[in-house]
Amino acid sequence: MRVSGRSGGPLVQDHVALDEIELYGELMIAASTAAEDRLSPARIDEVLRVGRDHERKGRG
């Protein structure tokens, strides 16, 4: 996502916004392919890769 500066300065990329858009897209794909009406909290965590850093560090 490119955002212009306040005074019309150079364009910058908002990497946080791009990451959030990507995760939202992954959730939408998972929801559209799910057999059930709603994604379970565990499936949402799986799609969003929640806890993977902790697992690598041996904390999960």
PDB file of N, CA and C in Angstrom:
ATOM      1  N   MET A   1       0.853  -1.164   0.000  1.00  0.00           N
ATOM      2  CA  MET A   1       0.000   0.000   0.000  1.00  0.00           C
ATOM      3  C   MET A   1       0.898   1.225   0.000  1.00  0.00           C
ATOM      4  N   ARG A   2       0.650   2.154  -0.892  1.00  0.00           N
ATOM      5  CA  ARG A   2       1.436   3.380  -0.957  1.00  0.00           C
ATOM      6  C   ARG A   2       0.617   4.520  -0.380  1.00  0.00           C
ATOM      7  N   VAL A   3       1.256   5.303   0.449  1.00  0.00           N
ATOM      8  CA  VAL A   3       0.596   6.426   1.094  1.00  0.00           C
ATOM      9  C   VAL A   3       1.437   7.666   0.856  1.00  0.00           C
ATOM     10  N   SER A   4       0.793   8.746   0.445  1.00  0.00           N
ATOM     11  CA  SER A   4       1.548   9.971   0.210  1.00  0.00           C
ATOM     12  C   SER A   4       1.825  10.662   1.534  1.00  0.00           C
ATOM     13  N   GLY A   5       2.898  11.425   1.544  1.00  0.00           N
ATOM     14  CA  GLY A   5       3.233  12.191   2.727  1.00  0.00           C
ATOM     15  C   GLY A   5       2.201  13.275   2.975  1.00  0.00           C
ATOM     16  N   ARG A   6       2.226  13.859   4.173  1.00  0.00           N
ATOM     17  CA  ARG A   6       1.229  14.869   4.531  1.00  0.00           C
ATOM     18  C   ARG A   6       1.297  16.098   3.636  1.00  0.00           C
ATOM     19  N   SER A   7       2.467  16.475   3.250  1.00  0.00           N
ATOM     20  CA  SER A   7       2.596  17.680   2.426  1.00  0.00           C
ATOM     21  C   SER A   7       2.817  17.324   0.958  1.00  0.00           C
ATOM     22  N   GLY A   8       2.279  16.185   0.563  1.00  0.00           N
ATOM     23  CA  GLY A   8       2.437  15.778  -0.829  1.00  0.00           C
ATOM     24  C   GLY A   8       3.836  15.277  -1.113  1.00  0.00           C
ATOM     25  N   GLY A   9       4.546  14.850  -0.084  1.00  0.00           N
ATOM     26  CA  GLY A   9       5.914  14.356  -0.214  1.00  0.00           C
ATOM     27  C   GLY A   9       5.961  13.010  -0.913  1.00  0.00           C
ATOM     28  N   PRO A  10       7.091  12.347  -0.801  1.00  0.00           N
ATOM     29  CA  PRO A  10       7.264  11.074  -1.498  1.00  0.00           C
ATOM     30  C   PRO A  10       6.324   9.999  -0.945  1.00  0.00           C
ATOM     31  N   LEU A  11       6.032   9.016  -1.783  1.00  0.00           N
ATOM     32  CA  LEU A  11       5.169   7.915  -1.390  1.00  0.00           C
ATOM     33  C   LEU A  11       5.971   6.914  -0.559  1.00  0.00           C
ATOM     34  N   VAL A  12       5.322   6.332   0.428  1.00  0.00           N
ATOM     35  CA  VAL A  12       5.948   5.304   1.251  1.00  0.00           C
ATOM     36  C   VAL A  12       5.033   4.083   1.263  1.00  0.00           C
ATOM     37  N   GLN A  13       5.592   2.941   1.596  1.00  0.00           N
ATOM     38  CA  GLN A  13       4.797   1.728   1.682  1.00  0.00           C
ATOM     39  C   GLN A  13       4.508   1.425   3.146  1.00  0.00           C
ATOM     40  N   ASP A  14       3.290   1.061   3.445  1.00  0.00           N
ATOM     41  CA  ASP A  14       2.872   0.703   4.789  1.00  0.00           C
ATOM     42  C   ASP A  14       2.895  -0.822   4.880  1.00  0.00           C
ATOM     43  N   HIS A  15       4.008  -1.365   5.358  1.00  0.00           N
ATOM     44  CA  HIS A  15       4.179  -2.813   5.391  1.00  0.00           C
ATOM     45  C   HIS A  15       3.223  -3.485   6.378  1.00  0.00           C
ATOM     46  N   VAL A  16       2.876  -2.814   7.453  1.00  0.00           N
ATOM     47  CA  VAL A  16       1.926  -3.376   8.417  1.00  0.00           C
ATOM     48  C   VAL A  16       0.563  -3.545   7.748  1.00  0.00           C
ATOM     49  N   ALA A  17       0.122  -2.526   7.029  1.00  0.00           N
ATOM     50  CA  ALA A  17      -1.167  -2.611   6.332  1.00  0.00           C
ATOM     51  C   ALA A  17      -1.137  -3.725   5.289  1.00  0.00           C
ATOM     52  N   LEU A  18      -0.047  -3.856   4.572  1.00  0.00           N
ATOM     53  CA  LEU A  18       0.059  -4.925   3.568  1.00  0.00           C
ATOM     54  C   LEU A  18       0.002  -6.295   4.226  1.00  0.00           C
ATOM     55  N   ASP A  19       0.657  -6.469   5.369  1.00  0.00           N
ATOM     56  CA  ASP A  19       0.612  -7.740   6.089  1.00  0.00           C
ATOM     57  C   ASP A  19      -0.803  -8.041   6.565  1.00  0.00           C
ATOM     58  N   GLU A  20      -1.492  -7.029   7.084  1.00  0.00           N
ATOM     59  CA  GLU A  20      -2.869  -7.226   7.555  1.00  0.00           C
ATOM     60  C   GLU A  20      -3.793  -7.606   6.406  1.00  0.00           C
ATOM     61  N   ILE A  21      -3.622  -6.982   5.261  1.00  0.00           N
ATOM     62  CA  ILE A  21      -4.439  -7.304   4.089  1.00  0.00           C
ATOM     63  C   ILE A  21      -4.184  -8.744   3.652  1.00  0.00           C
ATOM     64  N   GLU A  22      -2.933  -9.179   3.684  1.00  0.00           N
ATOM     65  CA  GLU A  22      -2.597 -10.547   3.309  1.00  0.00           C
ATOM     66  C   GLU A  22      -3.240 -11.554   4.270  1.00  0.00           C
ATOM     67  N   LEU A  23      -3.163 -11.285   5.569  1.00  0.00           N
ATOM     68  CA  LEU A  23      -3.778 -12.179   6.549  1.00  0.00           C
ATOM     69  C   LEU A  23      -5.291 -12.221   6.392  1.00  0.00           C
ATOM     70  N   TYR A  24      -5.896 -11.080   6.147  1.00  0.00           N
ATOM     71  CA  TYR A  24      -7.347 -11.021   5.919  1.00  0.00           C
ATOM     72  C   TYR A  24      -7.716 -11.873   4.708  1.00  0.00           C
ATOM     73  N   GLY A  25      -6.930 -11.763   3.657  1.00  0.00           N
ATOM     74  CA  GLY A  25      -7.176 -12.566   2.464  1.00  0.00           C
ATOM     75  C   GLY A  25      -7.083 -14.053   2.747  1.00  0.00           C
ATOM     76  N   GLU A  26      -6.101 -14.449   3.564  1.00  0.00           N
ATOM     77  CA  GLU A  26      -5.956 -15.854   3.914  1.00  0.00           C
ATOM     78  C   GLU A  26      -7.167 -16.345   4.716  1.00  0.00           C
ATOM     79  N   LEU A  27      -7.675 -15.491   5.604  1.00  0.00           N
ATOM     80  CA  LEU A  27      -8.883 -15.852   6.357  1.00  0.00           C
ATOM     81  C   LEU A  27     -10.083 -15.999   5.436  1.00  0.00           C
ATOM     82  N   MET A  28     -10.209 -15.109   4.472  1.00  0.00           N
ATOM     83  CA  MET A  28     -11.326 -15.174   3.528  1.00  0.00           C
ATOM     84  C   MET A  28     -11.268 -16.457   2.705  1.00  0.00           C
ATOM     85  N   ILE A  29     -10.077 -16.836   2.269  1.00  0.00           N
ATOM     86  CA  ILE A  29      -9.924 -18.075   1.498  1.00  0.00           C
ATOM     87  C   ILE A  29     -10.278 -19.271   2.356  1.00  0.00           C
ATOM     88  N   ALA A  30      -9.785 -19.285   3.594  1.00  0.00           N
ATOM     89  CA  ALA A  30     -10.090 -20.404   4.498  1.00  0.00           C
ATOM     90  C   ALA A  30     -11.587 -20.492   4.762  1.00  0.00           C
ATOM     91  N   ALA A  31     -12.222 -19.359   4.969  1.00  0.00           N
ATOM     92  CA  ALA A  31     -13.665 -19.351   5.235  1.00  0.00           C
ATOM     93  C   ALA A  31     -14.450 -19.824   4.021  1.00  0.00           C
ATOM     94  N   SER A  32     -14.015 -19.449   2.846  1.00  0.00           N
ATOM     95  CA  SER A  32     -14.762 -19.824   1.639  1.00  0.00           C
ATOM     96  C   SER A  32     -14.617 -21.304   1.309  1.00  0.00           C
ATOM     97  N   THR A  33     -13.569 -21.937   1.788  1.00  0.00           N
ATOM     98  CA  THR A  33     -13.362 -23.353   1.500  1.00  0.00           C
ATOM     99  C   THR A  33     -13.761 -24.255   2.661  1.00  0.00           C
ATOM    100  N   ALA A  34     -14.194 -23.665   3.775  1.00  0.00           N
ATOM    101  CA  ALA A  34     -14.551 -24.450   4.960  1.00  0.00           C
ATOM    102  C   ALA A  34     -15.878 -25.172   4.752  1.00  0.00           C
ATOM    103  N   ALA A  35     -15.963 -26.375   5.269  1.00  0.00           N
ATOM    104  CA  ALA A  35     -17.203 -27.141   5.170  1.00  0.00           C
ATOM    105  C   ALA A  35     -18.249 -26.634   6.153  1.00  0.00           C
ATOM    106  N   GLU A  36     -17.803 -26.124   7.288  1.00  0.00           N
ATOM    107  CA  GLU A  36     -18.733 -25.627   8.300  1.00  0.00           C
ATOM    108  C   GLU A  36     -19.092 -24.172   8.026  1.00  0.00           C
ATOM    109  N   ASP A  37     -20.093 -23.675   8.743  1.00  0.00           N
ATOM    110  CA  ASP A  37     -20.548 -22.299   8.554  1.00  0.00           C
ATOM    111  C   ASP A  37     -19.537 -21.272   9.046  1.00  0.00           C
ATOM    112  N   ARG A  38     -18.832 -21.600  10.128  1.00  0.00           N
ATOM    113  CA  ARG A  38     -17.864 -20.669  10.723  1.00  0.00           C
ATOM    114  C   ARG A  38     -16.540 -21.375  10.943  1.00  0.00           C
ATOM    115  N   LEU A  39     -15.483 -20.613  10.918  1.00  0.00           N
ATOM    116  CA  LEU A  39     -14.172 -21.165  11.260  1.00  0.00           C
ATOM    117  C   LEU A  39     -14.072 -21.279  12.771  1.00  0.00           C
ATOM    118  N   SER A  40     -13.522 -22.374  13.232  1.00  0.00           N
ATOM    119  CA  SER A  40     -13.311 -22.536  14.669  1.00  0.00           C
ATOM    120  C   SER A  40     -12.148 -21.644  15.104  1.00  0.00           C
ATOM    121  N   PRO A  41     -12.098 -21.297  16.372  1.00  0.00           N
ATOM    122  CA  PRO A  41     -10.954 -20.510  16.860  1.00  0.00           C
ATOM    123  C   PRO A  41      -9.608 -21.197  16.567  1.00  0.00           C
ATOM    124  N   ALA A  42      -9.574 -22.512  16.659  1.00  0.00           N
ATOM    125  CA  ALA A  42      -8.335 -23.238  16.363  1.00  0.00           C
ATOM    126  C   ALA A  42      -7.948 -23.090  14.895  1.00  0.00           C
ATOM    127  N   ARG A  43      -8.931 -23.144  13.994  1.00  0.00           N
ATOM    128  CA  ARG A  43      -8.652 -22.994  12.556  1.00  0.00           C
ATOM    129  C   ARG A  43      -8.191 -21.574  12.239  1.00  0.00           C
ATOM    130  N   ILE A  44      -8.789 -20.588  12.888  1.00  0.00           N
ATOM    131  CA  ILE A  44      -8.364 -19.200  12.694  1.00  0.00           C
ATOM    132  C   ILE A  44      -6.915 -19.040  13.134  1.00  0.00           C
ATOM    133  N   ASP A  45      -6.573 -19.598  14.295  1.00  0.00           N
ATOM    134  CA  ASP A  45      -5.187 -19.537  14.772  1.00  0.00           C
ATOM    135  C   ASP A  45      -4.241 -20.205  13.791  1.00  0.00           C
ATOM    136  N   GLU A  46      -4.683 -21.329  13.223  1.00  0.00           N
ATOM    137  CA  GLU A  46      -3.855 -22.041  12.248  1.00  0.00           C
ATOM    138  C   GLU A  46      -3.622 -21.186  11.008  1.00  0.00           C
ATOM    139  N   VAL A  47      -4.681 -20.581  10.485  1.00  0.00           N
ATOM    140  CA  VAL A  47      -4.572 -19.750   9.283  1.00  0.00           C
ATOM    141  C   VAL A  47      -3.667 -18.542   9.545  1.00  0.00           C
ATOM    142  N   LEU A  48      -3.813 -17.935  10.719  1.00  0.00           N
ATOM    143  CA  LEU A  48      -3.032 -16.740  11.053  1.00  0.00           C
ATOM    144  C   LEU A  48      -1.650 -17.079  11.613  1.00  0.00           C
ATOM    145  N   ARG A  49      -1.365 -18.376  11.710  1.00  0.00           N
ATOM    146  CA  ARG A  49      -0.068 -18.844  12.204  1.00  0.00           C
ATOM    147  C   ARG A  49       0.212 -18.350  13.625  1.00  0.00           C
ATOM    148  N   VAL A  50      -0.816 -18.356  14.468  1.00  0.00           N
ATOM    149  CA  VAL A  50      -0.675 -17.931  15.861  1.00  0.00           C
ATOM    150  C   VAL A  50       0.107 -18.987  16.620  1.00  0.00           C
ATOM    151  N   GLY A  51       1.095 -18.565  17.370  1.00  0.00           N
ATOM    152  CA  GLY A  51       1.851 -19.464  18.221  1.00  0.00           C
ATOM    153  C   GLY A  51       3.036 -20.135  17.574  1.00  0.00           C
ATOM    154  N   ARG A  52       3.270 -19.944  16.308  1.00  0.00           N
ATOM    155  CA  ARG A  52       4.395 -20.618  15.647  1.00  0.00           C
ATOM    156  C   ARG A  52       5.741 -20.149  16.179  1.00  0.00           C
ATOM    157  N   ASP A  53       5.891 -18.881  16.497  1.00  0.00           N
ATOM    158  CA  ASP A  53       7.147 -18.395  17.053  1.00  0.00           C
ATOM    159  C   ASP A  53       7.423 -19.036  18.396  1.00  0.00           C
ATOM    160  N   HIS A  54       6.365 -19.207  19.205  1.00  0.00           N
ATOM    161  CA  HIS A  54       6.522 -19.825  20.511  1.00  0.00           C
ATOM    162  C   HIS A  54       6.911 -21.302  20.370  1.00  0.00           C
ATOM    163  N   GLU A  55       6.356 -21.980  19.367  1.00  0.00           N
ATOM    164  CA  GLU A  55       6.672 -23.380  19.153  1.00  0.00           C
ATOM    165  C   GLU A  55       8.136 -23.546  18.770  1.00  0.00           C
ATOM    166  N   ARG A  56       8.643 -22.643  17.946  1.00  0.00           N
ATOM    167  CA  ARG A  56      10.049 -22.716  17.534  1.00  0.00           C
ATOM    168  C   ARG A  56      10.991 -22.512  18.717  1.00  0.00           C
ATOM    169  N   LYS A  57      10.571 -21.689  19.661  1.00  0.00           N
ATOM    170  CA  LYS A  57      11.402 -21.386  20.829  1.00  0.00           C
ATOM    171  C   LYS A  57      11.207 -22.408  21.936  1.00  0.00           C
ATOM    172  N   GLY A  58      10.332 -23.386  21.723  1.00  0.00           N
ATOM    173  CA  GLY A  58      10.098 -24.404  22.715  1.00  0.00           C
ATOM    174  C   GLY A  58       9.170 -23.980  23.836  1.00  0.00           C
ATOM    175  N   ARG A  59       8.389 -22.926  23.610  1.00  0.00           N
ATOM    176  CA  ARG A  59       7.468 -22.439  24.632  1.00  0.00           C
ATOM    177  C   ARG A  59       6.039 -22.879  24.380  1.00  0.00           C
ATOM    178  N   GLY A  60       5.743 -23.442  23.228  1.00  0.00           N
ATOM    179  CA  GLY A  60       4.368 -23.740  22.867  1.00  0.00           C
ATOM    180  C   GLY A  60       4.043 -25.107  23.128  1.00  0.00           C
TER     181      GLY A  60
END
